[in-house]
């Protein structure tokens, strides 16, 4: 198994280096990670308040509290922000530490599908209670 940056074959040094260095697209991901981190902090403060205020409630009272439109919207925003942030973070790890192209692509597809399915399941659960 050879990596594309290793010497050998008929490739010139420029062809071997393509795709390995900075493509100047990392700034967008860096900004998205920071924005979702700030959103996670703000929404986590709300979530801690929500959990503390729901201690001791029975199921009907809790679902009634979550059915409040502001609480349901905040919970959906928290789910979206957390899962998007997790997707971005896992993507960074895979891109940095997996050097075999087919393995990198398969890991990324698996990560995207997992977090998409988990996020949709969480949003569906909140909507089922809220509506």
N, C-alpha and C. Protein backbone atom coordinates (compact mmCIF):
# COMPACT_ATOMS: atom_id res chain seq x y z
N UNK A 1 0.86 -1.17 0.00
CA UNK A 1 0.00 0.00 0.00
C UNK A 1 0.90 1.23 0.00
N UNK A 2 0.69 2.07 -0.96
CA UNK A 2 1.51 3.28 -1.03
C UNK A 2 0.61 4.50 -0.91
N UNK A 3 1.18 5.53 -0.37
CA UNK A 3 0.47 6.79 -0.23
C UNK A 3 0.85 7.69 -1.38
N UNK A 4 -0.02 8.64 -1.70
CA UNK A 4 0.22 9.45 -2.88
C UNK A 4 1.38 10.43 -2.73
N UNK A 5 1.86 10.65 -1.51
CA UNK A 5 2.98 11.57 -1.35
C UNK A 5 4.33 10.86 -1.40
N UNK A 6 4.32 9.53 -1.42
CA UNK A 6 5.56 8.78 -1.47
C UNK A 6 6.15 8.84 -2.87
N UNK A 7 7.46 8.83 -2.94
CA UNK A 7 8.14 8.86 -4.23
C UNK A 7 7.95 7.53 -4.94
N UNK A 8 8.01 7.57 -6.21
CA UNK A 8 7.87 6.34 -6.99
C UNK A 8 6.86 6.56 -8.10
N UNK A 9 6.90 5.67 -9.05
CA UNK A 9 5.96 5.77 -10.15
C UNK A 9 6.38 6.85 -11.13
N UNK A 10 5.47 7.21 -11.97
CA UNK A 10 5.75 8.15 -13.04
C UNK A 10 5.32 9.58 -12.71
N UNK A 11 4.87 9.83 -11.50
CA UNK A 11 4.39 11.16 -11.14
C UNK A 11 5.54 12.11 -10.85
N UNK A 12 5.38 13.34 -11.28
CA UNK A 12 6.37 14.35 -10.92
C UNK A 12 6.03 14.88 -9.53
N UNK A 13 6.91 15.61 -8.89
CA UNK A 13 6.67 16.08 -7.52
C UNK A 13 5.41 16.93 -7.37
N UNK A 14 5.09 17.74 -8.37
CA UNK A 14 3.89 18.56 -8.27
C UNK A 14 2.63 17.70 -8.27
N UNK A 15 2.59 16.67 -9.09
CA UNK A 15 1.43 15.79 -9.15
C UNK A 15 1.26 15.04 -7.84
N UNK A 16 2.37 14.64 -7.22
CA UNK A 16 2.28 13.96 -5.93
C UNK A 16 1.81 14.89 -4.83
N UNK A 17 2.13 16.18 -4.93
CA UNK A 17 1.78 17.12 -3.88
C UNK A 17 0.35 17.64 -3.98
N UNK A 18 -0.26 17.53 -5.14
CA UNK A 18 -1.62 18.05 -5.30
C UNK A 18 -2.57 17.33 -4.34
N UNK A 19 -3.39 18.12 -3.67
CA UNK A 19 -4.37 17.56 -2.75
C UNK A 19 -3.83 17.30 -1.36
N UNK A 20 -2.56 17.56 -1.14
CA UNK A 20 -1.99 17.29 0.18
C UNK A 20 -1.83 18.55 1.01
N UNK A 21 -1.69 19.67 0.35
CA UNK A 21 -1.44 20.90 1.09
C UNK A 21 -2.70 21.70 1.31
N UNK A 22 -2.49 22.94 1.68
CA UNK A 22 -3.60 23.83 1.96
C UNK A 22 -4.34 24.16 0.68
N UNK A 23 -5.64 24.00 0.71
CA UNK A 23 -6.48 24.37 -0.43
C UNK A 23 -7.24 25.65 -0.12
N UNK A 24 -6.92 26.27 1.01
CA UNK A 24 -7.55 27.52 1.45
C UNK A 24 -9.05 27.36 1.68
N UNK A 25 -9.48 26.15 2.00
CA UNK A 25 -10.88 25.90 2.33
C UNK A 25 -11.06 25.62 3.81
N UNK A 26 -9.97 25.54 4.54
CA UNK A 26 -10.04 25.21 5.96
C UNK A 26 -10.61 26.33 6.81
N UNK A 27 -10.53 27.56 6.34
CA UNK A 27 -11.02 28.69 7.12
C UNK A 27 -12.53 28.58 7.32
N UNK A 28 -13.24 28.18 6.30
CA UNK A 28 -14.69 28.03 6.41
C UNK A 28 -15.08 27.00 7.46
N UNK A 29 -14.38 25.86 7.45
CA UNK A 29 -14.66 24.84 8.47
C UNK A 29 -14.29 25.33 9.86
N UNK A 30 -13.20 26.06 9.96
CA UNK A 30 -12.77 26.58 11.26
C UNK A 30 -13.83 27.54 11.80
N UNK A 31 -14.35 28.40 10.95
CA UNK A 31 -15.38 29.36 11.38
C UNK A 31 -16.66 28.62 11.77
N UNK A 32 -17.07 27.61 10.97
CA UNK A 32 -18.26 26.83 11.31
C UNK A 32 -18.12 26.14 12.65
N UNK A 33 -16.95 25.59 12.92
CA UNK A 33 -16.71 24.95 14.22
C UNK A 33 -16.85 25.95 15.36
N UNK A 34 -16.31 27.15 15.19
CA UNK A 34 -16.38 28.16 16.25
C UNK A 34 -17.81 28.67 16.45
N UNK A 35 -18.54 28.87 15.35
CA UNK A 35 -19.92 29.35 15.46
C UNK A 35 -20.79 28.31 16.15
N UNK A 36 -20.64 27.04 15.77
CA UNK A 36 -21.44 26.00 16.43
C UNK A 36 -21.02 25.81 17.88
N UNK A 37 -19.76 26.04 18.18
CA UNK A 37 -19.32 25.95 19.58
C UNK A 37 -19.98 27.04 20.43
N UNK A 38 -20.04 28.25 19.91
CA UNK A 38 -20.71 29.35 20.63
C UNK A 38 -22.21 29.04 20.78
N UNK A 39 -22.81 28.56 19.70
CA UNK A 39 -24.24 28.19 19.77
C UNK A 39 -24.46 27.09 20.79
N UNK A 40 -23.54 26.11 20.84
CA UNK A 40 -23.67 25.02 21.81
C UNK A 40 -23.59 25.53 23.24
N UNK A 41 -22.72 26.49 23.49
CA UNK A 41 -22.61 27.05 24.84
C UNK A 41 -23.91 27.75 25.23
N UNK A 42 -24.42 28.58 24.34
CA UNK A 42 -25.65 29.32 24.64
C UNK A 42 -26.82 28.35 24.84
N UNK A 43 -26.97 27.40 23.92
CA UNK A 43 -28.08 26.45 24.02
C UNK A 43 -27.90 25.48 25.18
N UNK A 44 -26.67 25.19 25.57
CA UNK A 44 -26.44 24.32 26.72
C UNK A 44 -26.86 25.00 28.01
N UNK A 45 -26.68 26.31 28.09
CA UNK A 45 -27.16 27.04 29.26
C UNK A 45 -28.68 26.91 29.35
N UNK A 46 -29.36 27.07 28.22
CA UNK A 46 -30.81 26.87 28.22
C UNK A 46 -31.15 25.44 28.62
N UNK A 47 -30.42 24.45 28.07
CA UNK A 47 -30.71 23.04 28.35
C UNK A 47 -30.53 22.71 29.83
N UNK A 48 -29.49 23.26 30.45
CA UNK A 48 -29.29 23.04 31.89
C UNK A 48 -30.45 23.63 32.68
N UNK A 49 -30.89 24.85 32.30
CA UNK A 49 -32.07 25.44 32.96
C UNK A 49 -33.29 24.55 32.76
N UNK A 50 -33.48 24.05 31.55
CA UNK A 50 -34.63 23.21 31.22
C UNK A 50 -34.63 21.94 32.05
N UNK A 51 -33.48 21.29 32.17
CA UNK A 51 -33.39 20.05 32.93
C UNK A 51 -33.61 20.33 34.42
N UNK A 52 -32.99 21.40 34.93
CA UNK A 52 -33.16 21.73 36.36
C UNK A 52 -34.61 22.05 36.69
N UNK A 53 -35.29 22.75 35.79
CA UNK A 53 -36.68 23.11 36.08
C UNK A 53 -37.64 21.94 35.86
N UNK A 54 -37.19 20.88 35.21
CA UNK A 54 -38.08 19.73 35.00
C UNK A 54 -37.84 18.60 36.00
N UNK A 55 -36.93 18.79 36.95
CA UNK A 55 -36.69 17.77 37.97
C UNK A 55 -37.94 17.64 38.84
N UNK A 56 -38.38 16.42 39.01
CA UNK A 56 -39.54 16.17 39.84
C UNK A 56 -40.86 16.18 39.09
N UNK A 57 -40.85 16.52 37.81
CA UNK A 57 -42.08 16.53 37.03
C UNK A 57 -42.42 15.11 36.57
N UNK A 58 -43.70 14.83 36.46
CA UNK A 58 -44.06 13.53 35.90
C UNK A 58 -44.04 13.64 34.37
N UNK A 59 -44.33 12.54 33.70
CA UNK A 59 -44.20 12.47 32.24
C UNK A 59 -45.09 13.49 31.55
N UNK A 60 -46.32 13.61 31.98
CA UNK A 60 -47.26 14.54 31.33
C UNK A 60 -46.81 15.99 31.50
N UNK A 61 -46.33 16.33 32.68
CA UNK A 61 -45.86 17.70 32.91
C UNK A 61 -44.59 17.99 32.09
N UNK A 62 -43.71 17.00 32.02
CA UNK A 62 -42.47 17.18 31.24
C UNK A 62 -42.78 17.36 29.76
N UNK A 63 -43.64 16.49 29.21
CA UNK A 63 -43.97 16.63 27.80
C UNK A 63 -44.71 17.94 27.53
N UNK A 64 -45.51 18.38 28.49
CA UNK A 64 -46.17 19.68 28.35
C UNK A 64 -45.16 20.82 28.33
N UNK A 65 -44.13 20.69 29.15
CA UNK A 65 -43.09 21.71 29.19
C UNK A 65 -42.29 21.72 27.87
N UNK A 66 -42.00 20.53 27.34
CA UNK A 66 -41.27 20.45 26.07
C UNK A 66 -42.15 20.86 24.90
N UNK A 67 -43.46 20.71 25.04
CA UNK A 67 -44.38 21.09 23.96
C UNK A 67 -44.51 22.61 23.83
N UNK A 68 -44.06 23.36 24.83
CA UNK A 68 -44.04 24.81 24.73
C UNK A 68 -43.21 25.18 23.50
N UNK A 69 -43.75 26.00 22.58
CA UNK A 69 -43.03 26.29 21.33
C UNK A 69 -41.60 26.80 21.53
N UNK A 70 -41.36 27.65 22.50
CA UNK A 70 -40.00 28.16 22.72
C UNK A 70 -39.05 27.04 23.14
N UNK A 71 -39.52 26.18 24.03
CA UNK A 71 -38.67 25.06 24.47
C UNK A 71 -38.43 24.06 23.34
N UNK A 72 -39.46 23.78 22.54
CA UNK A 72 -39.31 22.85 21.42
C UNK A 72 -38.33 23.40 20.38
N UNK A 73 -38.46 24.68 20.08
CA UNK A 73 -37.55 25.29 19.11
C UNK A 73 -36.12 25.30 19.64
N UNK A 74 -35.95 25.64 20.91
CA UNK A 74 -34.60 25.64 21.49
C UNK A 74 -34.01 24.24 21.48
N UNK A 75 -34.83 23.22 21.76
CA UNK A 75 -34.32 21.84 21.75
C UNK A 75 -33.92 21.41 20.34
N UNK A 76 -34.72 21.77 19.35
CA UNK A 76 -34.38 21.43 17.96
C UNK A 76 -33.10 22.16 17.53
N UNK A 77 -32.97 23.42 17.90
CA UNK A 77 -31.73 24.15 17.59
C UNK A 77 -30.53 23.53 18.28
N UNK A 78 -30.70 23.07 19.51
CA UNK A 78 -29.60 22.40 20.22
C UNK A 78 -29.21 21.11 19.50
N UNK A 79 -30.19 20.34 19.08
CA UNK A 79 -29.90 19.09 18.37
C UNK A 79 -29.15 19.37 17.07
N UNK A 80 -29.63 20.34 16.30
CA UNK A 80 -28.97 20.67 15.03
C UNK A 80 -27.55 21.14 15.26
N UNK A 81 -27.37 22.03 16.22
CA UNK A 81 -26.05 22.59 16.49
C UNK A 81 -25.07 21.53 16.99
N UNK A 82 -25.53 20.69 17.91
CA UNK A 82 -24.64 19.67 18.47
C UNK A 82 -24.25 18.64 17.41
N UNK A 83 -25.21 18.17 16.63
CA UNK A 83 -24.89 17.15 15.63
C UNK A 83 -24.05 17.73 14.49
N UNK A 84 -24.30 18.97 14.10
CA UNK A 84 -23.48 19.59 13.06
C UNK A 84 -22.05 19.80 13.57
N UNK A 85 -21.93 20.25 14.81
CA UNK A 85 -20.60 20.44 15.41
C UNK A 85 -19.86 19.10 15.50
N UNK A 86 -20.56 18.05 15.89
CA UNK A 86 -19.94 16.73 15.98
C UNK A 86 -19.51 16.23 14.61
N UNK A 87 -20.33 16.49 13.60
CA UNK A 87 -19.97 16.09 12.23
C UNK A 87 -18.72 16.81 11.76
N UNK A 88 -18.65 18.11 12.01
CA UNK A 88 -17.47 18.87 11.61
C UNK A 88 -16.22 18.39 12.34
N UNK A 89 -16.35 18.13 13.63
CA UNK A 89 -15.20 17.66 14.40
C UNK A 89 -14.71 16.30 13.95
N UNK A 90 -15.63 15.38 13.73
CA UNK A 90 -15.24 14.04 13.26
C UNK A 90 -14.64 14.11 11.86
N UNK A 91 -15.17 14.99 11.03
CA UNK A 91 -14.61 15.17 9.69
C UNK A 91 -13.16 15.64 9.76
N UNK A 92 -12.88 16.58 10.65
CA UNK A 92 -11.51 17.06 10.82
C UNK A 92 -10.57 15.92 11.23
N UNK A 93 -11.02 15.09 12.14
CA UNK A 93 -10.20 13.97 12.61
C UNK A 93 -9.91 13.01 11.47
N UNK A 94 -10.95 12.65 10.72
CA UNK A 94 -10.77 11.70 9.62
C UNK A 94 -9.85 12.29 8.56
N UNK A 95 -10.05 13.55 8.21
CA UNK A 95 -9.20 14.16 7.17
C UNK A 95 -7.75 14.28 7.62
N UNK A 96 -7.52 14.46 8.92
CA UNK A 96 -6.16 14.61 9.40
C UNK A 96 -5.43 13.29 9.58
N UNK A 97 -6.13 12.22 9.95
CA UNK A 97 -5.44 11.00 10.37
C UNK A 97 -5.65 9.80 9.47
N UNK A 98 -6.53 9.86 8.49
CA UNK A 98 -6.69 8.76 7.55
C UNK A 98 -6.07 9.19 6.22
N UNK A 99 -5.09 8.43 5.76
CA UNK A 99 -4.36 8.82 4.56
C UNK A 99 -4.68 7.94 3.36
N UNK A 100 -5.36 6.83 3.58
CA UNK A 100 -5.78 5.98 2.48
C UNK A 100 -7.13 6.51 1.99
N UNK A 101 -7.19 6.85 0.72
CA UNK A 101 -8.33 7.60 0.19
C UNK A 101 -9.66 6.85 0.33
N UNK A 102 -9.69 5.57 0.01
CA UNK A 102 -10.96 4.83 0.08
C UNK A 102 -11.44 4.70 1.52
N UNK A 103 -10.49 4.58 2.45
CA UNK A 103 -10.87 4.48 3.86
C UNK A 103 -11.40 5.82 4.37
N UNK A 104 -10.75 6.89 3.95
CA UNK A 104 -11.18 8.23 4.34
C UNK A 104 -12.61 8.50 3.85
N UNK A 105 -12.86 8.19 2.60
CA UNK A 105 -14.18 8.44 2.02
C UNK A 105 -15.24 7.58 2.70
N UNK A 106 -14.93 6.31 2.95
CA UNK A 106 -15.92 5.44 3.60
C UNK A 106 -16.20 5.90 5.02
N UNK A 107 -15.19 6.34 5.74
CA UNK A 107 -15.40 6.86 7.10
C UNK A 107 -16.26 8.13 7.06
N UNK A 108 -15.97 9.03 6.13
CA UNK A 108 -16.75 10.27 6.03
C UNK A 108 -18.21 10.00 5.69
N UNK A 109 -18.45 9.08 4.76
CA UNK A 109 -19.83 8.73 4.41
C UNK A 109 -20.54 8.14 5.62
N UNK A 110 -19.86 7.26 6.36
CA UNK A 110 -20.45 6.68 7.56
C UNK A 110 -20.76 7.72 8.62
N UNK A 111 -19.84 8.66 8.81
CA UNK A 111 -20.06 9.74 9.78
C UNK A 111 -21.25 10.59 9.38
N UNK A 112 -21.30 10.99 8.11
CA UNK A 112 -22.40 11.83 7.65
C UNK A 112 -23.74 11.12 7.82
N UNK A 113 -23.81 9.85 7.43
CA UNK A 113 -25.07 9.10 7.53
C UNK A 113 -25.48 8.90 8.99
N UNK A 114 -24.51 8.58 9.85
CA UNK A 114 -24.83 8.36 11.26
C UNK A 114 -25.39 9.62 11.91
N UNK A 115 -24.68 10.74 11.77
CA UNK A 115 -25.12 11.96 12.42
C UNK A 115 -26.41 12.51 11.80
N UNK A 116 -26.60 12.31 10.50
CA UNK A 116 -27.85 12.72 9.87
C UNK A 116 -29.02 11.91 10.42
N UNK A 117 -28.85 10.59 10.50
CA UNK A 117 -29.92 9.73 11.01
C UNK A 117 -30.22 10.03 12.48
N UNK A 118 -29.18 10.19 13.29
CA UNK A 118 -29.39 10.48 14.71
C UNK A 118 -30.05 11.84 14.90
N UNK A 119 -29.64 12.84 14.13
CA UNK A 119 -30.24 14.16 14.23
C UNK A 119 -31.70 14.15 13.82
N UNK A 120 -32.01 13.45 12.73
CA UNK A 120 -33.40 13.37 12.29
C UNK A 120 -34.25 12.65 13.33
N UNK A 121 -33.72 11.59 13.93
CA UNK A 121 -34.46 10.86 14.97
C UNK A 121 -34.75 11.76 16.17
N UNK A 122 -33.76 12.55 16.58
CA UNK A 122 -33.96 13.47 17.72
C UNK A 122 -34.98 14.55 17.39
N UNK A 123 -34.86 15.13 16.21
CA UNK A 123 -35.81 16.18 15.81
C UNK A 123 -37.21 15.61 15.69
N UNK A 124 -37.34 14.41 15.13
CA UNK A 124 -38.65 13.76 15.04
C UNK A 124 -39.25 13.55 16.43
N UNK A 125 -38.43 13.15 17.37
CA UNK A 125 -38.92 12.92 18.74
C UNK A 125 -39.43 14.21 19.37
N UNK A 126 -38.70 15.29 19.19
CA UNK A 126 -39.13 16.58 19.74
C UNK A 126 -40.42 17.04 19.05
N UNK A 127 -40.48 16.90 17.74
CA UNK A 127 -41.69 17.32 17.01
C UNK A 127 -42.90 16.47 17.38
N UNK A 128 -42.67 15.19 17.62
CA UNK A 128 -43.77 14.31 18.01
C UNK A 128 -44.36 14.75 19.35
N UNK A 129 -43.51 15.19 20.27
CA UNK A 129 -43.99 15.68 21.55
C UNK A 129 -44.62 17.06 21.39
N UNK A 130 -43.99 17.91 20.62
CA UNK A 130 -44.45 19.30 20.51
C UNK A 130 -45.74 19.43 19.71
N UNK A 131 -45.92 18.56 18.76
CA UNK A 131 -47.12 18.68 17.91
C UNK A 131 -48.10 17.62 18.30
